[in-house]
Amino acid sequence: MNLKILLIIPLIFLGAISVKPPPVFEEDYQQYISMAEFNKKYIADLEKIKALGAPDSLAPLIYSKSVKYGFAPEMVTRLIKIESNFNKFALSNKGAIGLMQTTQSTCKAYNLEYSYEESVNIDNGLYILSDKVNQYGTLELALYSYNGGWKAVKYKFNSHYVKSILD
């Protein structure tokens, strides 16, 4: 091996010499940097989700479903905490089930599977919430509707519920 190369390699690893990828690899390099930045944000978001009380096993699922529907992961975490306190087997006196407390009638109206399974339940709840955002125009009004139907939107029932999720 060439002596020059042997002398330069340690300097590269120590950061004394900056090595920029050749133009052919510039796109790969940018993708690598973008992925590294994404990973930092992902890990930070998972920590925020866990800090709000979500179990370690649910944090990645909450994150991925939130991103899928365009909601802030922290907001979705607060919604799940209020709805079910992260109990995937939660059952209300009105028959709402799972983490997102979806009802059979609502699932049927949206042609969704009525399920306790975490991934399906979160997906269903966020699908319904997303539709309500489209229907009412704001997340605040959508949350009123998610919690109490159209009357809650009209009369702003359960404002504590909505404020707790949006704070």
Foldseek 3Di string as FASTA:
>chain_A
DDPVVVVVVVCVVVVVDDDDDPPVCNVVVVVVVVVVVVVVVLVVLLVLLVVLPADNVCSVLLVVLCVVLVHRSQLLSLQLCVVPVNDLQDADPQGQGGSNRHHPVLCVVVVADRDSPHNRSSNVNSVQLSVLCVVVVHSLLSQLCSVPRPVCSVVVPPVVSSVSSVD
